[in-house]
Amino acid sequence: MNEAYVLLNVSYKSQQDVIENAEKISVVKSVKSVYGICDVLVILESEDMQKIKDAIDKDLHGMDGITNMTSLISVN
């Protein structure tokens, strides 16, 4: 199983919308609001790495309110 962790900086007014929209992405396993250097943590999981990449490149990058994104892809 392939996993990726995406750390998002989100404008305060958009945070709830970003969380709700991220939860609708088929390969998203979990979405968490976090305190610290980032605002939202998105965990993606799929047998197909291309589905994870597409979710990051198309679905997450297309969301309004995200000001910065850091993707960490597991290489087990």
N, C-alpha and C. Protein backbone atom coordinates (compact mmCIF):
# COMPACT_ATOMS: atom_id res chain seq x y z
N MET A 1 0.85 -1.18 0.00
CA MET A 1 0.00 0.00 0.00
C MET A 1 0.89 1.24 0.00
N ASN A 2 0.62 2.16 -0.90
CA ASN A 2 1.36 3.42 -1.00
C ASN A 2 0.69 4.47 -0.13
N GLU A 3 1.52 5.29 0.50
CA GLU A 3 1.00 6.37 1.36
C GLU A 3 1.69 7.68 1.04
N ALA A 4 0.95 8.76 1.23
CA ALA A 4 1.52 10.10 1.11
C ALA A 4 0.92 10.97 2.20
N TYR A 5 1.72 11.91 2.66
CA TYR A 5 1.28 12.86 3.66
C TYR A 5 1.43 14.25 3.04
N VAL A 6 0.36 15.03 3.10
CA VAL A 6 0.41 16.37 2.52
C VAL A 6 0.11 17.37 3.62
N LEU A 7 1.05 18.30 3.82
CA LEU A 7 0.93 19.35 4.82
C LEU A 7 0.48 20.62 4.12
N LEU A 8 -0.61 21.19 4.60
CA LEU A 8 -1.19 22.36 3.95
C LEU A 8 -1.17 23.57 4.87
N ASN A 9 -0.83 24.71 4.30
CA ASN A 9 -1.09 26.00 4.93
C ASN A 9 -2.33 26.53 4.24
N VAL A 10 -3.31 26.92 5.05
CA VAL A 10 -4.61 27.30 4.53
C VAL A 10 -5.04 28.62 5.14
N SER A 11 -5.66 29.49 4.34
CA SER A 11 -6.20 30.72 4.89
C SER A 11 -7.29 30.35 5.89
N TYR A 12 -7.38 31.08 6.97
CA TYR A 12 -8.28 30.74 8.07
C TYR A 12 -9.73 30.61 7.61
N LYS A 13 -10.16 31.51 6.77
CA LYS A 13 -11.56 31.49 6.31
C LYS A 13 -11.87 30.28 5.43
N SER A 14 -10.87 29.68 4.82
CA SER A 14 -11.08 28.56 3.91
C SER A 14 -10.85 27.20 4.55
N GLN A 15 -10.39 27.18 5.78
CA GLN A 15 -9.94 25.92 6.38
C GLN A 15 -11.03 24.85 6.39
N GLN A 16 -12.23 25.16 6.81
CA GLN A 16 -13.29 24.16 6.88
C GLN A 16 -13.66 23.64 5.49
N ASP A 17 -13.70 24.53 4.50
CA ASP A 17 -14.00 24.11 3.13
C ASP A 17 -12.92 23.17 2.59
N VAL A 18 -11.66 23.49 2.85
CA VAL A 18 -10.55 22.65 2.39
C VAL A 18 -10.65 21.27 3.03
N ILE A 19 -10.92 21.22 4.32
CA ILE A 19 -11.05 19.93 5.01
C ILE A 19 -12.19 19.12 4.42
N GLU A 20 -13.34 19.73 4.24
CA GLU A 20 -14.51 19.02 3.71
C GLU A 20 -14.27 18.52 2.28
N ASN A 21 -13.64 19.34 1.46
CA ASN A 21 -13.36 18.94 0.08
C ASN A 21 -12.29 17.86 0.00
N ALA A 22 -11.29 17.94 0.85
CA ALA A 22 -10.23 16.92 0.87
C ALA A 22 -10.80 15.57 1.29
N GLU A 23 -11.74 15.56 2.22
CA GLU A 23 -12.34 14.31 2.67
C GLU A 23 -13.12 13.61 1.57
N LYS A 24 -13.51 14.31 0.53
CA LYS A 24 -14.27 13.74 -0.59
C LYS A 24 -13.38 13.04 -1.63
N ILE A 25 -12.08 13.24 -1.56
CA ILE A 25 -11.15 12.64 -2.52
C ILE A 25 -11.05 11.14 -2.22
N SER A 26 -11.20 10.33 -3.24
CA SER A 26 -11.32 8.87 -3.03
C SER A 26 -10.12 8.23 -2.34
N VAL A 27 -8.92 8.70 -2.57
CA VAL A 27 -7.73 8.07 -1.98
C VAL A 27 -7.33 8.69 -0.64
N VAL A 28 -8.11 9.65 -0.16
CA VAL A 28 -7.80 10.27 1.13
C VAL A 28 -8.25 9.35 2.26
N LYS A 29 -7.30 8.99 3.10
CA LYS A 29 -7.57 8.12 4.25
C LYS A 29 -8.01 8.93 5.46
N SER A 30 -7.39 10.12 5.63
CA SER A 30 -7.68 10.93 6.81
C SER A 30 -7.31 12.39 6.54
N VAL A 31 -8.07 13.29 7.16
CA VAL A 31 -7.77 14.73 7.11
C VAL A 31 -7.83 15.24 8.54
N LYS A 32 -6.78 15.92 8.96
CA LYS A 32 -6.72 16.40 10.34
C LYS A 32 -6.33 17.88 10.38
N SER A 33 -7.03 18.62 11.20
CA SER A 33 -6.64 20.00 11.49
C SER A 33 -5.53 19.90 12.53
N VAL A 34 -4.43 20.61 12.31
CA VAL A 34 -3.28 20.51 13.21
C VAL A 34 -2.80 21.90 13.62
N TYR A 35 -2.11 21.94 14.75
CA TYR A 35 -1.48 23.17 15.22
C TYR A 35 0.01 23.08 14.95
N GLY A 36 0.61 24.19 14.63
CA GLY A 36 2.04 24.21 14.37
C GLY A 36 2.33 24.94 13.09
N ILE A 37 3.35 24.49 12.39
CA ILE A 37 3.80 25.16 11.18
C ILE A 37 2.80 25.00 10.02
N CYS A 38 1.96 23.97 10.09
CA CYS A 38 0.94 23.73 9.07
C CYS A 38 -0.44 23.74 9.71
N ASP A 39 -1.46 23.86 8.88
CA ASP A 39 -2.84 23.95 9.37
C ASP A 39 -3.63 22.66 9.19
N VAL A 40 -3.33 21.92 8.12
CA VAL A 40 -4.09 20.72 7.79
C VAL A 40 -3.11 19.63 7.35
N LEU A 41 -3.37 18.40 7.81
CA LEU A 41 -2.61 17.22 7.38
C LEU A 41 -3.57 16.31 6.63
N VAL A 42 -3.18 15.94 5.41
CA VAL A 42 -3.99 15.03 4.59
C VAL A 42 -3.16 13.76 4.38
N ILE A 43 -3.75 12.62 4.71
CA ILE A 43 -3.10 11.33 4.52
C ILE A 43 -3.81 10.61 3.38
N LEU A 44 -3.04 10.25 2.36
CA LEU A 44 -3.59 9.57 1.19
C LEU A 44 -3.04 8.15 1.14
N GLU A 45 -3.85 7.21 0.65
CA GLU A 45 -3.43 5.82 0.60
C GLU A 45 -4.08 5.13 -0.58
N SER A 46 -3.28 4.36 -1.34
CA SER A 46 -3.80 3.62 -2.48
C SER A 46 -2.77 2.58 -2.92
N GLU A 47 -3.27 1.51 -3.51
CA GLU A 47 -2.37 0.52 -4.13
C GLU A 47 -1.71 1.13 -5.37
N ASP A 48 -2.37 2.09 -5.98
CA ASP A 48 -1.92 2.71 -7.23
C ASP A 48 -1.31 4.08 -6.93
N MET A 49 0.01 4.18 -7.03
CA MET A 49 0.69 5.44 -6.74
C MET A 49 0.22 6.56 -7.66
N GLN A 50 -0.14 6.24 -8.89
CA GLN A 50 -0.60 7.28 -9.81
C GLN A 50 -1.87 7.95 -9.31
N LYS A 51 -2.75 7.21 -8.64
CA LYS A 51 -3.96 7.80 -8.07
C LYS A 51 -3.62 8.80 -6.98
N ILE A 52 -2.61 8.51 -6.20
CA ILE A 52 -2.16 9.44 -5.16
C ILE A 52 -1.60 10.70 -5.81
N LYS A 53 -0.75 10.52 -6.81
CA LYS A 53 -0.15 11.67 -7.50
C LYS A 53 -1.23 12.54 -8.15
N ASP A 54 -2.21 11.90 -8.77
CA ASP A 54 -3.29 12.65 -9.41
C ASP A 54 -4.11 13.43 -8.38
N ALA A 55 -4.37 12.81 -7.23
CA ALA A 55 -5.13 13.50 -6.18
C ALA A 55 -4.38 14.73 -5.69
N ILE A 56 -3.07 14.63 -5.57
CA ILE A 56 -2.27 15.77 -5.12
C ILE A 56 -2.23 16.84 -6.22
N ASP A 57 -1.88 16.42 -7.43
CA ASP A 57 -1.68 17.36 -8.53
C ASP A 57 -2.97 18.02 -9.01
N LYS A 58 -4.05 17.27 -9.06
CA LYS A 58 -5.29 17.80 -9.63
C LYS A 58 -6.28 18.25 -8.57
N ASP A 59 -6.54 17.40 -7.60
CA ASP A 59 -7.58 17.70 -6.62
C ASP A 59 -7.12 18.71 -5.56
N LEU A 60 -6.00 18.44 -4.91
CA LEU A 60 -5.56 19.35 -3.85
C LEU A 60 -5.05 20.67 -4.42
N HIS A 61 -4.24 20.61 -5.47
CA HIS A 61 -3.69 21.85 -6.05
C HIS A 61 -4.78 22.76 -6.60
N GLY A 62 -5.93 22.20 -6.93
CA GLY A 62 -7.01 22.99 -7.48
C GLY A 62 -7.90 23.67 -6.45
N MET A 63 -7.67 23.41 -5.17
CA MET A 63 -8.54 23.97 -4.12
C MET A 63 -8.18 25.41 -3.79
N ASP A 64 -9.21 26.22 -3.64
CA ASP A 64 -9.03 27.60 -3.21
C ASP A 64 -8.71 27.63 -1.72
N GLY A 65 -7.89 28.58 -1.31
CA GLY A 65 -7.59 28.79 0.09
C GLY A 65 -6.30 28.17 0.56
N ILE A 66 -5.71 27.28 -0.25
CA ILE A 66 -4.43 26.68 0.13
C ILE A 66 -3.32 27.64 -0.29
N THR A 67 -2.49 28.04 0.66
CA THR A 67 -1.42 28.99 0.38
C THR A 67 -0.06 28.33 0.21
N ASN A 68 0.08 27.11 0.75
CA ASN A 68 1.34 26.39 0.61
C ASN A 68 1.07 24.91 0.81
N MET A 69 1.84 24.07 0.11
CA MET A 69 1.64 22.64 0.20
C MET A 69 2.98 21.94 0.20
N THR A 70 3.14 20.97 1.11
CA THR A 70 4.33 20.13 1.14
C THR A 70 3.88 18.68 1.08
N SER A 71 4.37 17.94 0.09
CA SER A 71 4.00 16.54 -0.07
C SER A 71 5.15 15.64 0.36
N LEU A 72 4.81 14.64 1.13
CA LEU A 72 5.78 13.63 1.58
C LEU A 72 5.25 12.28 1.16
N ILE A 73 5.96 11.61 0.24
CA ILE A 73 5.50 10.32 -0.26
C ILE A 73 6.37 9.23 0.35
N SER A 74 5.72 8.28 0.99
CA SER A 74 6.41 7.18 1.64
C SER A 74 7.06 6.27 0.60
N VAL A 75 8.27 5.79 0.89
CA VAL A 75 8.99 4.94 -0.05
C VAL A 75 9.34 3.58 0.56
N ASN A 76 8.37 2.97 1.22
CA ASN A 76 8.59 1.66 1.85
C ASN A 76 8.87 0.63 0.81
